[in-house]
Amino acid sequence: YTTTLGSSDGIAQLWIDGIQRINATNVYFGTTTINTFEIGSNSQFPY
């Protein structure tokens, strides 16, 4: 978010294979900065 804490003007976009799947411009992330990128995480119920 670009203004004050608690505002909902964050942006979230996602493309898969060049096709945009998510495009949101009213997101509240609950924080001000990104400090870490984690690659590989957990899941529920592969079988």
ModelCIF file with pLDDT and N, C-alpha, C, O atoms, coordinates in Angstrom:
data_MODEL
#
_entry.id   MODEL 
#
_entity.id                         1 
_entity.type                       polymer 
_entity.pdbx_number_of_molecules   1 
#
_entity_poly.entity_id                      1 
_entity_poly.type                           'polypeptide(L)' 
_entity_poly.nstd_linkage                   no 
_entity_poly.nstd_monomer                   no 
_entity_poly.pdbx_seq_one_letter_code       YTTTLGSSDGIAQLWIDGIQRINATNVYFGTTTINTFEIGSNSQFPY 
_entity_poly.pdbx_seq_one_letter_code_can   YTTTLGSSDGIAQLWIDGIQRINATNVYFGTTTINTFEIGSNSQFPY 
_entity_poly.pdbx_strand_id                 A 
#
loop_
_entity_poly_seq.entity_id 
_entity_poly_seq.num 
_entity_poly_seq.mon_id 
_entity_poly_seq.hetero 
1 1  TYR n 
1 2  THR n 
1 3  THR n 
1 4  THR n 
1 5  LEU n 
1 6  GLY n 
1 7  SER n 
1 8  SER n 
1 9  ASP n 
1 10 GLY n 
1 11 ILE n 
1 12 ALA n 
1 13 GLN n 
1 14 LEU n 
1 15 TRP n 
1 16 ILE n 
1 17 ASP n 
1 18 GLY n 
1 19 ILE n 
1 20 GLN n 
1 21 ARG n 
1 22 ILE n 
1 23 ASN n 
1 24 ALA n 
1 25 THR n 
1 26 ASN n 
1 27 VAL n 
1 28 TYR n 
1 29 PHE n 
1 30 GLY n 
1 31 THR n 
1 32 THR n 
1 33 THR n 
1 34 ILE n 
1 35 ASN n 
1 36 THR n 
1 37 PHE n 
1 38 GLU n 
1 39 ILE n 
1 40 GLY n 
1 41 SER n 
1 42 ASN n 
1 43 SER n 
1 44 GLN n 
1 45 PHE n 
1 46 PRO n 
1 47 TYR n 
#
_struct_asym.id          A 
_struct_asym.entity_id   1 
#
loop_
_ma_qa_metric.id 
_ma_qa_metric.mode 
_ma_qa_metric.name 
_ma_qa_metric.software_group_id 
_ma_qa_metric.type 
1 global pLDDT . pLDDT 
2 local  pLDDT . pLDDT 
#
_ma_qa_metric_global.metric_id      1 
_ma_qa_metric_global.metric_value   87.34 
_ma_qa_metric_global.model_id       1 
_ma_qa_metric_global.ordinal_id     1 
#
loop_
_ma_qa_metric_local.label_asym_id 
_ma_qa_metric_local.label_comp_id 
_ma_qa_metric_local.label_seq_id 
_ma_qa_metric_local.metric_id 
_ma_qa_metric_local.metric_value 
_ma_qa_metric_local.model_id 
_ma_qa_metric_local.ordinal_id 
A TYR 1  2 76.00 1 1  
A THR 2  2 70.00 1 2  
A THR 3  2 66.00 1 3  
A THR 4  2 63.00 1 4  
A LEU 5  2 59.00 1 5  
A GLY 6  2 60.00 1 6  
A SER 7  2 68.00 1 7  
A SER 8  2 77.00 1 8  
A ASP 9  2 84.00 1 9  
A GLY 10 2 89.00 1 10 
A ILE 11 2 94.00 1 11 
A ALA 12 2 95.00 1 12 
A GLN 13 2 97.00 1 13 
A LEU 14 2 98.00 1 14 
A TRP 15 2 98.00 1 15 
A ILE 16 2 98.00 1 16 
A ASP 17 2 98.00 1 17 
A GLY 18 2 97.00 1 18 
A ILE 19 2 97.00 1 19 
A GLN 20 2 98.00 1 20 
A ARG 21 2 98.00 1 21 
A ILE 22 2 97.00 1 22 
A ASN 23 2 97.00 1 23 
A ALA 24 2 95.00 1 24 
A THR 25 2 91.00 1 25 
A ASN 26 2 87.00 1 26 
A VAL 27 2 88.00 1 27 
A TYR 28 2 85.00 1 28 
A PHE 29 2 85.00 1 29 
A GLY 30 2 80.00 1 30 
A THR 31 2 79.00 1 31 
A THR 32 2 81.00 1 32 
A THR 33 2 89.00 1 33 
A ILE 34 2 92.00 1 34 
A ASN 35 2 94.00 1 35 
A THR 36 2 94.00 1 36 
A PHE 37 2 96.00 1 37 
A GLU 38 2 95.00 1 38 
A ILE 39 2 96.00 1 39 
A GLY 40 2 92.00 1 40 
A SER 41 2 86.00 1 41 
A ASN 42 2 85.00 1 42 
A SER 43 2 84.00 1 43 
A GLN 44 2 87.00 1 44 
A PHE 45 2 87.00 1 45 
A PRO 46 2 92.00 1 46 
A TYR 47 2 91.00 1 47 
#
loop_
_atom_site.group_PDB 
_atom_site.id 
_atom_site.type_symbol 
_atom_site.label_atom_id 
_atom_site.label_alt_id 
_atom_site.label_comp_id 
_atom_site.label_asym_id 
_atom_site.label_entity_id 
_atom_site.label_seq_id 
_atom_site.pdbx_PDB_ins_code 
_atom_site.Cartn_x 
_atom_site.Cartn_y 
_atom_site.Cartn_z 
_atom_site.occupancy 
_atom_site.B_iso_or_equiv 
_atom_site.pdbx_formal_charge 
_atom_site.auth_seq_id 
_atom_site.auth_comp_id 
_atom_site.auth_asym_id 
_atom_site.auth_atom_id 
_atom_site.pdbx_PDB_model_num 
ATOM 1   N N  . TYR A 1 1  ? 0.840  -1.200  0.000   1.00 76.00 ? 1  TYR A N  1 
ATOM 2   C CA . TYR A 1 1  ? 0.000  0.000   0.000   1.00 76.00 ? 1  TYR A CA 1 
ATOM 3   C C  . TYR A 1 1  ? 0.876  1.252   0.000   1.00 76.00 ? 1  TYR A C  1 
ATOM 4   O O  . TYR A 1 1  ? 1.986  1.260   0.533   1.00 76.00 ? 1  TYR A O  1 
ATOM 5   N N  . THR A 1 2  ? 0.348  2.294   -0.606  1.00 70.00 ? 2  THR A N  1 
ATOM 6   C CA . THR A 1 2  ? 1.186  3.461   -0.904  1.00 70.00 ? 2  THR A CA 1 
ATOM 7   C C  . THR A 1 2  ? 0.872  4.669   -0.036  1.00 70.00 ? 2  THR A C  1 
ATOM 8   O O  . THR A 1 2  ? 1.549  5.693   -0.126  1.00 70.00 ? 2  THR A O  1 
ATOM 9   N N  . THR A 1 3  ? -0.145 4.557   0.801   1.00 66.00 ? 3  THR A N  1 
ATOM 10  C CA . THR A 1 3  ? -0.502 5.729   1.612   1.00 66.00 ? 3  THR A CA 1 
ATOM 11  C C  . THR A 1 3  ? -0.299 5.415   3.083   1.00 66.00 ? 3  THR A C  1 
ATOM 12  O O  . THR A 1 3  ? 0.842  5.360   3.543   1.00 66.00 ? 3  THR A O  1 
ATOM 13  N N  . THR A 1 4  ? -1.360 5.209   3.825   1.00 63.00 ? 4  THR A N  1 
ATOM 14  C CA . THR A 1 4  ? -1.241 5.023   5.263   1.00 63.00 ? 4  THR A CA 1 
ATOM 15  C C  . THR A 1 4  ? -1.459 3.575   5.649   1.00 63.00 ? 4  THR A C  1 
ATOM 16  O O  . THR A 1 4  ? -2.090 2.808   4.922   1.00 63.00 ? 4  THR A O  1 
ATOM 17  N N  . LEU A 1 5  ? -0.922 3.209   6.816   1.00 59.00 ? 5  LEU A N  1 
ATOM 18  C CA . LEU A 1 5  ? -1.087 1.864   7.340   1.00 59.00 ? 5  LEU A CA 1 
ATOM 19  C C  . LEU A 1 5  ? -2.567 1.521   7.444   1.00 59.00 ? 5  LEU A C  1 
ATOM 20  O O  . LEU A 1 5  ? -3.356 2.289   7.994   1.00 59.00 ? 5  LEU A O  1 
ATOM 21  N N  . GLY A 1 6  ? -2.934 0.366   6.914   1.00 60.00 ? 6  GLY A N  1 
ATOM 22  C CA . GLY A 1 6  ? -4.327 -0.069  6.959   1.00 60.00 ? 6  GLY A CA 1 
ATOM 23  C C  . GLY A 1 6  ? -5.087 0.218   5.685   1.00 60.00 ? 6  GLY A C  1 
ATOM 24  O O  . GLY A 1 6  ? -6.229 -0.218  5.539   1.00 60.00 ? 6  GLY A O  1 
ATOM 25  N N  . SER A 1 7  ? -4.474 0.951   4.747   1.00 68.00 ? 7  SER A N  1 
ATOM 26  C CA . SER A 1 7  ? -5.168 1.249   3.494   1.00 68.00 ? 7  SER A CA 1 
ATOM 27  C C  . SER A 1 7  ? -5.169 0.023   2.584   1.00 68.00 ? 7  SER A C  1 
ATOM 28  O O  . SER A 1 7  ? -4.387 -0.909  2.773   1.00 68.00 ? 7  SER A O  1 
ATOM 29  N N  . SER A 1 8  ? -6.053 0.041   1.602   1.00 77.00 ? 8  SER A N  1 
ATOM 30  C CA . SER A 1 8  ? -6.237 -1.108  0.713   1.00 77.00 ? 8  SER A CA 1 
ATOM 31  C C  . SER A 1 8  ? -5.957 -0.722  -0.728  1.00 77.00 ? 8  SER A C  1 
ATOM 32  O O  . SER A 1 8  ? -6.796 -0.930  -1.604  1.00 77.00 ? 8  SER A O  1 
ATOM 33  N N  . ASP A 1 9  ? -4.788 -0.163  -0.976  1.00 84.00 ? 9  ASP A N  1 
ATOM 34  C CA . ASP A 1 9  ? -4.449 0.215   -2.351  1.00 84.00 ? 9  ASP A CA 1 
ATOM 35  C C  . ASP A 1 9  ? -3.207 -0.520  -2.845  1.00 84.00 ? 9  ASP A C  1 
ATOM 36  O O  . ASP A 1 9  ? -2.515 -0.050  -3.748  1.00 84.00 ? 9  ASP A O  1 
ATOM 37  N N  . GLY A 1 10 ? -2.933 -1.680  -2.242  1.00 89.00 ? 10 GLY A N  1 
ATOM 38  C CA . GLY A 1 10 ? -1.840 -2.513  -2.734  1.00 89.00 ? 10 GLY A CA 1 
ATOM 39  C C  . GLY A 1 10 ? -2.225 -3.190  -4.038  1.00 89.00 ? 10 GLY A C  1 
ATOM 40  O O  . GLY A 1 10 ? -3.406 -3.287  -4.371  1.00 89.00 ? 10 GLY A O  1 
ATOM 41  N N  . ILE A 1 11 ? -1.210 -3.664  -4.787  1.00 94.00 ? 11 ILE A N  1 
ATOM 42  C CA . ILE A 1 11 ? -1.427 -4.317  -6.083  1.00 94.00 ? 11 ILE A CA 1 
ATOM 43  C C  . ILE A 1 11 ? -0.947 -5.759  -6.003  1.00 94.00 ? 11 ILE A C  1 
ATOM 44  O O  . ILE A 1 11 ? 0.125  -6.039  -5.466  1.00 94.00 ? 11 ILE A O  1 
ATOM 45  N N  . ALA A 1 12 ? -1.753 -6.673  -6.543  1.00 95.00 ? 12 ALA A N  1 
ATOM 46  C CA . ALA A 1 12 ? -1.399 -8.089  -6.628  1.00 95.00 ? 12 ALA A CA 1 
ATOM 47  C C  . ALA A 1 12 ? -1.731 -8.585  -8.029  1.00 95.00 ? 12 ALA A C  1 
ATOM 48  O O  . ALA A 1 12 ? -2.894 -8.591  -8.433  1.00 95.00 ? 12 ALA A O  1 
ATOM 49  N N  . GLN A 1 13 ? -0.703 -9.001  -8.769  1.00 97.00 ? 13 GLN A N  1 
ATOM 50  C CA . GLN A 1 13 ? -0.897 -9.496  -10.129 1.00 97.00 ? 13 GLN A CA 1 
ATOM 51  C C  . GLN A 1 13 ? -0.111 -10.791 -10.301 1.00 97.00 ? 13 GLN A C  1 
ATOM 52  O O  . GLN A 1 13 ? 0.963  -10.964 -9.725  1.00 97.00 ? 13 GLN A O  1 
ATOM 53  N N  . LEU A 1 14 ? -0.666 -11.700 -11.106 1.00 98.00 ? 14 LEU A N  1 
ATOM 54  C CA . LEU A 1 14 ? -0.009 -12.982 -11.346 1.00 98.00 ? 14 LEU A CA 1 
ATOM 55  C C  . LEU A 1 14 ? -0.240 -13.405 -12.789 1.00 98.00 ? 14 LEU A C  1 
ATOM 56  O O  . LEU A 1 14 ? -1.360 -13.370 -13.299 1.00 98.00 ? 14 LEU A O  1 
ATOM 57  N N  . TRP A 1 15 ? 0.863  -13.808 -13.437 1.00 98.00 ? 15 TRP A N  1 
ATOM 58  C CA . TRP A 1 15 ? 0.816  -14.332 -14.798 1.00 98.00 ? 15 TRP A CA 1 
ATOM 59  C C  . TRP A 1 15 ? 1.349  -15.765 -14.781 1.00 98.00 ? 15 TRP A C  1 
ATOM 60  O O  . TRP A 1 15 ? 2.338  -16.060 -14.110 1.00 98.00 ? 15 TRP A O  1 
ATOM 61  N N  . ILE A 1 16 ? 0.682  -16.653 -15.527 1.00 98.00 ? 16 ILE A N  1 
ATOM 62  C CA . ILE A 1 16 ? 1.169  -18.013 -15.732 1.00 98.00 ? 16 ILE A CA 1 
ATOM 63  C C  . ILE A 1 16 ? 1.308  -18.224 -17.236 1.00 98.00 ? 16 ILE A C  1 
ATOM 64  O O  . ILE A 1 16 ? 0.341  -18.069 -17.981 1.00 98.00 ? 16 ILE A O  1 
ATOM 65  N N  . ASP A 1 17 ? 2.504  -18.575 -17.675 1.00 98.00 ? 17 ASP A N  1 
ATOM 66  C CA . ASP A 1 17 ? 2.778  -18.777 -19.100 1.00 98.00 ? 17 ASP A CA 1 
ATOM 67  C C  . ASP A 1 17 ? 2.342  -17.570 -19.933 1.00 98.00 ? 17 ASP A C  1 
ATOM 68  O O  . ASP A 1 17 ? 1.811  -17.713 -21.034 1.00 98.00 ? 17 ASP A O  1 
ATOM 69  N N  . GLY A 1 18 ? 2.581  -16.379 -19.380 1.00 97.00 ? 18 GLY A N  1 
ATOM 70  C CA . GLY A 1 18 ? 2.288  -15.143 -20.098 1.00 97.00 ? 18 GLY A CA 1 
ATOM 71  C C  . GLY A 1 18 ? 0.838  -14.708 -20.041 1.00 97.00 ? 18 GLY A C  1 
ATOM 72  O O  . GLY A 1 18 ? 0.508  -13.640 -20.558 1.00 97.00 ? 18 GLY A O  1 
ATOM 73  N N  . ILE A 1 19 ? -0.047 -15.495 -19.431 1.00 97.00 ? 19 ILE A N  1 
ATOM 74  C CA . ILE A 1 19 ? -1.468 -15.147 -19.333 1.00 97.00 ? 19 ILE A CA 1 
ATOM 75  C C  . ILE A 1 19 ? -1.753 -14.610 -17.936 1.00 97.00 ? 19 ILE A C  1 
ATOM 76  O O  . ILE A 1 19 ? -1.445 -15.274 -16.946 1.00 97.00 ? 19 ILE A O  1 
ATOM 77  N N  . GLN A 1 20 ? -2.331 -13.424 -17.843 1.00 98.00 ? 20 GLN A N  1 
ATOM 78  C CA . GLN A 1 20 ? -2.613 -12.844 -16.535 1.00 98.00 ? 20 GLN A CA 1 
ATOM 79  C C  . GLN A 1 20 ? -3.807 -13.544 -15.905 1.00 98.00 ? 20 GLN A C  1 
ATOM 80  O O  . GLN A 1 20 ? -4.885 -13.618 -16.496 1.00 98.00 ? 20 GLN A O  1 
ATOM 81  N N  . ARG A 1 21 ? -3.599 -14.055 -14.699 1.00 98.00 ? 21 ARG A N  1 
ATOM 82  C CA . ARG A 1 21 ? -4.646 -14.776 -13.973 1.00 98.00 ? 21 ARG A CA 1 
ATOM 83  C C  . ARG A 1 21 ? -5.211 -13.987 -12.805 1.00 98.00 ? 21 ARG A C  1 
ATOM 84  O O  . ARG A 1 21 ? -6.366 -14.182 -12.426 1.00 98.00 ? 21 ARG A O  1 
ATOM 85  N N  . ILE A 1 22 ? -4.405 -13.093 -12.228 1.00 97.00 ? 22 ILE A N  1 
ATOM 86  C CA . ILE A 1 22 ? -4.861 -12.260 -11.109 1.00 97.00 ? 22 ILE A CA 1 
ATOM 87  C C  . ILE A 1 22 ? -4.480 -10.815 -11.402 1.00 97.00 ? 22 ILE A C  1 
ATOM 88  O O  . ILE A 1 22 ? -3.366 -10.534 -11.842 1.00 97.00 ? 22 ILE A O  1 
ATOM 89  N N  . ASN A 1 23 ? -5.413 -9.904  -11.154 1.00 97.00 ? 23 ASN A N  1 
ATOM 90  C CA . ASN A 1 23 ? -5.153 -8.475  -11.343 1.00 97.00 ? 23 ASN A CA 1 
ATOM 91  C C  . ASN A 1 23 ? -5.993 -7.701  -10.345 1.00 97.00 ? 23 ASN A C  1 
ATOM 92  O O  . ASN A 1 23 ? -7.145 -7.369  -10.625 1.00 97.00 ? 23 ASN A O  1 
ATOM 93  N N  . ALA A 1 24 ? -5.425 -7.410  -9.177  1.00 95.00 ? 24 ALA A N  1 
ATOM 94  C CA . ALA A 1 24 ? -6.145 -6.721  -8.106  1.00 95.00 ? 24 ALA A CA 1 
ATOM 95  C C  . ALA A 1 24 ? -5.391 -5.464  -7.703  1.00 95.00 ? 24 ALA A C  1 
ATOM 96  O O  . ALA A 1 24 ? -4.171 -5.486  -7.544  1.00 95.00 ? 24 ALA A O  1 
ATOM 97  N N  . THR A 1 25 ? -6.116 -4.382  -7.541  1.00 91.00 ? 25 THR A N  1 
ATOM 98  C CA . THR A 1 25 ? -5.501 -3.094  -7.191  1.00 91.00 ? 25 THR A CA 1 
ATOM 99  C C  . THR A 1 25 ? -6.079 -2.525  -5.896  1.00 91.00 ? 25 THR A C  1 
ATOM 100 O O  . THR A 1 25 ? -5.975 -1.325  -5.640  1.00 91.00 ? 25 THR A O  1 
ATOM 101 N N  . ASN A 1 26 ? -6.679 -3.377  -5.092  1.00 87.00 ? 26 ASN A N  1 
ATOM 102 C CA . ASN A 1 26 ? -7.300 -2.913  -3.846  1.00 87.00 ? 26 ASN A CA 1 
ATOM 103 C C  . ASN A 1 26 ? -6.946 -3.833  -2.685  1.00 87.00 ? 26 ASN A C  1 
ATOM 104 O O  . ASN A 1 26 ? -7.811 -4.225  -1.902  1.00 87.00 ? 26 ASN A O  1 
ATOM 105 N N  . VAL A 1 27 ? -5.654 -4.176  -2.581  1.00 88.00 ? 27 VAL A N  1 
ATOM 106 C CA . VAL A 1 27 ? -5.227 -5.211  -1.639  1.00 88.00 ? 27 VAL A CA 1 
ATOM 107 C C  . VAL A 1 27 ? -4.685 -4.586  -0.354  1.00 88.00 ? 27 VAL A C  1 
ATOM 108 O O  . VAL A 1 27 ? -3.945 -3.603  -0.390  1.00 88.00 ? 27 VAL A O  1 
ATOM 109 N N  . TYR A 1 28 ? -5.063 -5.166  0.765   1.00 85.00 ? 28 TYR A N  1 
ATOM 110 C CA . TYR A 1 28 ? -4.466 -4.812  2.044   1.00 85.00 ? 28 TYR A CA 1 
ATOM 111 C C  . TYR A 1 28 ? -3.509 -5.933  2.437   1.00 85.00 ? 28 TYR A C  1 
ATOM 112 O O  . TYR A 1 28 ? -3.946 -7.045  2.734   1.00 85.00 ? 28 TYR A O  1 
ATOM 113 N N  . PHE A 1 29 ? -2.207 -5.648  2.442   1.00 85.00 ? 29 PHE A N  1 
ATOM 114 C CA . PHE A 1 29 ? -1.204 -6.655  2.749   1.00 85.00 ? 29 PHE A CA 1 
ATOM 115 C C  . PHE A 1 29 ? -0.851 -6.710  4.230   1.00 85.00 ? 29 PHE A C  1 
ATOM 116 O O  . PHE A 1 29 ? -0.230 -7.675  4.675   1.00 85.00 ? 29 PHE A O  1 
ATOM 117 N N  . GLY A 1 30 ? -1.223 -5.718  4.985   1.00 80.00 ? 30 GLY A N  1 
ATOM 118 C CA . GLY A 1 30 ? -0.962 -5.749  6.418   1.00 80.00 ? 30 GLY A CA 1 
ATOM 119 C C  . GLY A 1 30 ? 0.469  -5.454  6.803   1.00 80.00 ? 30 GLY A C  1 
ATOM 120 O O  . GLY A 1 30 ? 0.848  -5.652  7.957   1.00 80.00 ? 30 GLY A O  1 
ATOM 121 N N  . THR A 1 31 ? 1.274  -4.985  5.866   1.00 79.00 ? 31 THR A N  1 
ATOM 122 C CA . THR A 1 31 ? 2.666  -4.659  6.145   1.00 79.00 ? 31 THR A CA 1 
ATOM 123 C C  . THR A 1 31 ? 3.147  -3.644  5.109   1.00 79.00 ? 31 THR A C  1 
ATOM 124 O O  . THR A 1 31 ? 2.420  -3.333  4.166   1.00 79.00 ? 31 THR A O  1 
ATOM 125 N N  . THR A 1 32 ? 4.343  -3.136  5.276   1.00 81.00 ? 32 THR A N  1 
ATOM 126 C CA . THR A 1 32 ? 4.808  -2.061  4.398   1.00 81.00 ? 32 THR A CA 1 
ATOM 127 C C  . THR A 1 32 ? 5.923  -2.458  3.447   1.00 81.00 ? 32 THR A C  1 
ATOM 128 O O  . THR A 1 32 ? 6.090  -1.831  2.401   1.00 81.00 ? 32 THR A O  1 
ATOM 129 N N  . THR A 1 33 ? 6.692  -3.491  3.789   1.00 89.00 ? 33 THR A N  1 
ATOM 130 C CA . THR A 1 33 ? 7.837  -3.866  2.938   1.00 89.00 ? 33 THR A CA 1 
ATOM 131 C C  . THR A 1 33 ? 7.937  -5.376  2.795   1.00 89.00 ? 33 THR A C  1 
ATOM 132 O O  . THR A 1 33 ? 7.391  -6.133  3.597   1.00 89.00 ? 33 THR A O  1 
ATOM 133 N N  . ILE A 1 34 ? 8.653  -5.797  1.748   1.00 92.00 ? 34 ILE A N  1 
ATOM 134 C CA . ILE A 1 34 ? 8.990  -7.204  1.520   1.00 92.00 ? 34 ILE A CA 1 
ATOM 135 C C  . ILE A 1 34 ? 10.472 -7.377  1.813   1.00 92.00 ? 34 ILE A C  1 
ATOM 136 O O  . ILE A 1 34 ? 11.303 -6.625  1.303   1.00 92.00 ? 34 ILE A O  1 
ATOM 137 N N  . ASN A 1 35 ? 10.801 -8.365  2.632   1.00 94.00 ? 35 ASN A N  1 
ATOM 138 C CA . ASN A 1 35 ? 12.185 -8.552  3.057   1.00 94.00 ? 35 ASN A CA 1 
ATOM 139 C C  . ASN A 1 35 ? 12.790 -9.901  2.660   1.00 94.00 ? 35 ASN A C  1 
ATOM 140 O O  . ASN A 1 35 ? 14.012 -10.040 2.615   1.00 94.00 ? 35 ASN A O  1 
ATOM 141 N N  . THR A 1 36 ? 11.947 -10.892 2.374   1.00 94.00 ? 36 THR A N  1 
ATOM 142 C CA . THR A 1 36 ? 12.443 -12.228 2.076   1.00 94.00 ? 36 THR A CA 1 
ATOM 143 C C  . THR A 1 36 ? 11.574 -12.893 1.016   1.00 94.00 ? 36 THR A C  1 
ATOM 144 O O  . THR A 1 36 ? 10.352 -12.743 1.020   1.00 94.00 ? 36 THR A O  1 
ATOM 145 N N  . PHE A 1 37 ? 12.212 -13.628 0.108   1.00 96.00 ? 37 PHE A N  1 
ATOM 146 C CA . PHE A 1 37 ? 11.514 -14.459 -0.865  1.00 96.00 ? 37 PHE A CA 1 
ATOM 147 C C  . PHE A 1 37 ? 11.866 -15.905 -0.565  1.00 96.00 ? 37 PHE A C  1 
ATOM 148 O O  . PHE A 1 37 ? 13.043 -16.266 -0.566  1.00 96.00 ? 37 PHE A O  1 
ATOM 149 N N  . GLU A 1 38 ? 10.856 -16.746 -0.307  1.00 95.00 ? 38 GLU A N  1 
ATOM 150 C CA . GLU A 1 38 ? 11.071 -18.150 0.012   1.00 95.00 ? 38 GLU A CA 1 
ATOM 151 C C  . GLU A 1 38 ? 10.606 -19.007 -1.157  1.00 95.00 ? 38 GLU A C  1 
ATOM 152 O O  . GLU A 1 38 ? 9.496  -18.830 -1.659  1.00 95.00 ? 38 GLU A O  1 
ATOM 153 N N  . ILE A 1 39 ? 11.456 -19.938 -1.591  1.00 96.00 ? 39 ILE A N  1 
ATOM 154 C CA . ILE A 1 39 ? 11.217 -20.749 -2.776  1.00 96.00 ? 39 ILE A CA 1 
ATOM 155 C C  . ILE A 1 39 ? 11.056 -22.195 -2.348  1.00 96.00 ? 39 ILE A C  1 
ATOM 156 O O  . ILE A 1 39 ? 11.995 -22.795 -1.826  1.00 96.00 ? 39 ILE A O  1 
ATOM 157 N N  . GLY A 1 40 ? 9.877  -22.762 -2.563  1.00 92.00 ? 40 GLY A N  1 
ATOM 158 C CA . GLY A 1 40 ? 9.591  -24.128 -2.139  1.00 92.00 ? 40 GLY A CA 1 
ATOM 159 C C  . GLY A 1 40 ? 8.961  -24.129 -0.768  1.00 92.00 ? 40 GLY A C  1 
ATOM 160 O O  . GLY A 1 40 ? 9.596  -23.740 0.212   1.00 92.00 ? 40 GLY A O  1 
ATOM 161 N N  . SER A 1 41 ? 7.692  -24.570 -0.688  1.00 86.00 ? 41 SER A N  1 
ATOM 162 C CA . SER A 1 41 ? 6.993  -24.516 0.592   1.00 86.00 ? 41 SER A CA 1 
ATOM 163 C C  . SER A 1 41 ? 6.143  -25.764 0.767   1.00 86.00 ? 41 SER A C  1 
ATOM 164 O O  . SER A 1 41 ? 6.335  -26.765 0.078   1.00 86.00 ? 41 SER A O  1 
ATOM 165 N N  . ASN A 1 42 ? 5.190  -25.687 1.710   1.00 85.00 ? 42 ASN A N  1 
ATOM 166 C CA . ASN A 1 42 ? 4.405  -26.862 2.045   1.00 85.00 ? 42 ASN A CA 1 
ATOM 167 C C  . ASN A 1 42 ? 3.109  -26.930 1.241   1.00 85.00 ? 42 ASN A C  1 
ATOM 168 O O  . ASN A 1 42 ? 2.787  -26.024 0.474   1.00 85.00 ? 42 ASN A O  1 
ATOM 169 N N  . SER A 1 43 ? 2.377  -28.025 1.435   1.00 84.00 ? 43 SER A N  1 
ATOM 170 C CA . SER A 1 43 ? 1.161  -28.245 0.656   1.00 84.00 ? 43 SER A CA 1 
ATOM 171 C C  . SER A 1 43 ? 0.191  -29.091 1.453   1.00 84.00 ? 43 SER A C  1 
ATOM 172 O O  . SER A 1 43 ? 0.519  -29.615 2.517   1.00 84.00 ? 43 SER A O  1 
ATOM 173 N N  . GLN A 1 44 ? -1.015 -29.213 0.912   1.00 87.00 ? 44 GLN A N  1 
ATOM 174 C CA . GLN A 1 44 ? -2.022 -30.063 1.520   1.00 87.00 ? 44 GLN A CA 1 
ATOM 175 C C  . GLN A 1 44 ? -2.480 -31.128 0.534   1.00 87.00 ? 44 GLN A C  1 
ATOM 176 O O  . GLN A 1 44 ? -2.980 -30.823 -0.548  1.00 87.00 ? 44 GLN A O  1 
ATOM 177 N N  . PHE A 1 45 ? -2.301 -32.372 0.928   1.00 87.00 ? 45 PHE A N  1 
ATOM 178 C CA . PHE A 1 45 ? -2.908 -33.527 0.292   1.00 87.00 ? 45 PHE A CA 1 
ATOM 179 C C  . PHE A 1 45 ? -2.502 -33.815 -1.158  1.00 87.00 ? 45 PHE A C  1 
ATOM 180 O O  . PHE A 1 45 ? -3.378 -34.087 -1.979  1.00 87.00 ? 45 PHE A O  1 
ATOM 181 N N  . PRO A 1 46 ? -1.214 -33.767 -1.505  1.00 92.00 ? 46 PRO A N  1 
ATOM 182 C CA . PRO A 1 46 ? -0.821 -34.537 -2.690  1.00 92.00 ? 46 PRO A CA 1 
ATOM 183 C C  . PRO A 1 46 ? -1.115 -36.007 -2.403  1.00 92.00 ? 46 PRO A C  1 
ATOM 184 O O  . PRO A 1 46 ? -1.103 -36.414 -1.241  1.00 92.00 ? 46 PRO A O  1 
ATOM 185 N N  . TYR A 1 47 ? -1.373 -36.798 -3.413  1.00 91.00 ? 47 TYR A N  1 
ATOM 186 C CA . TYR A 1 47 ? -1.634 -38.221 -3.169  1.00 91.00 ? 47 TYR A CA 1 
ATOM 187 C C  . TYR A 1 47 ? -0.980 -39.042 -4.278  1.00 91.00 ? 47 TYR A C  1 
ATOM 188 O O  . TYR A 1 47 ? -1.072 -40.270 -4.274  1.00 91.00 ? 47 TYR A O  1 
#
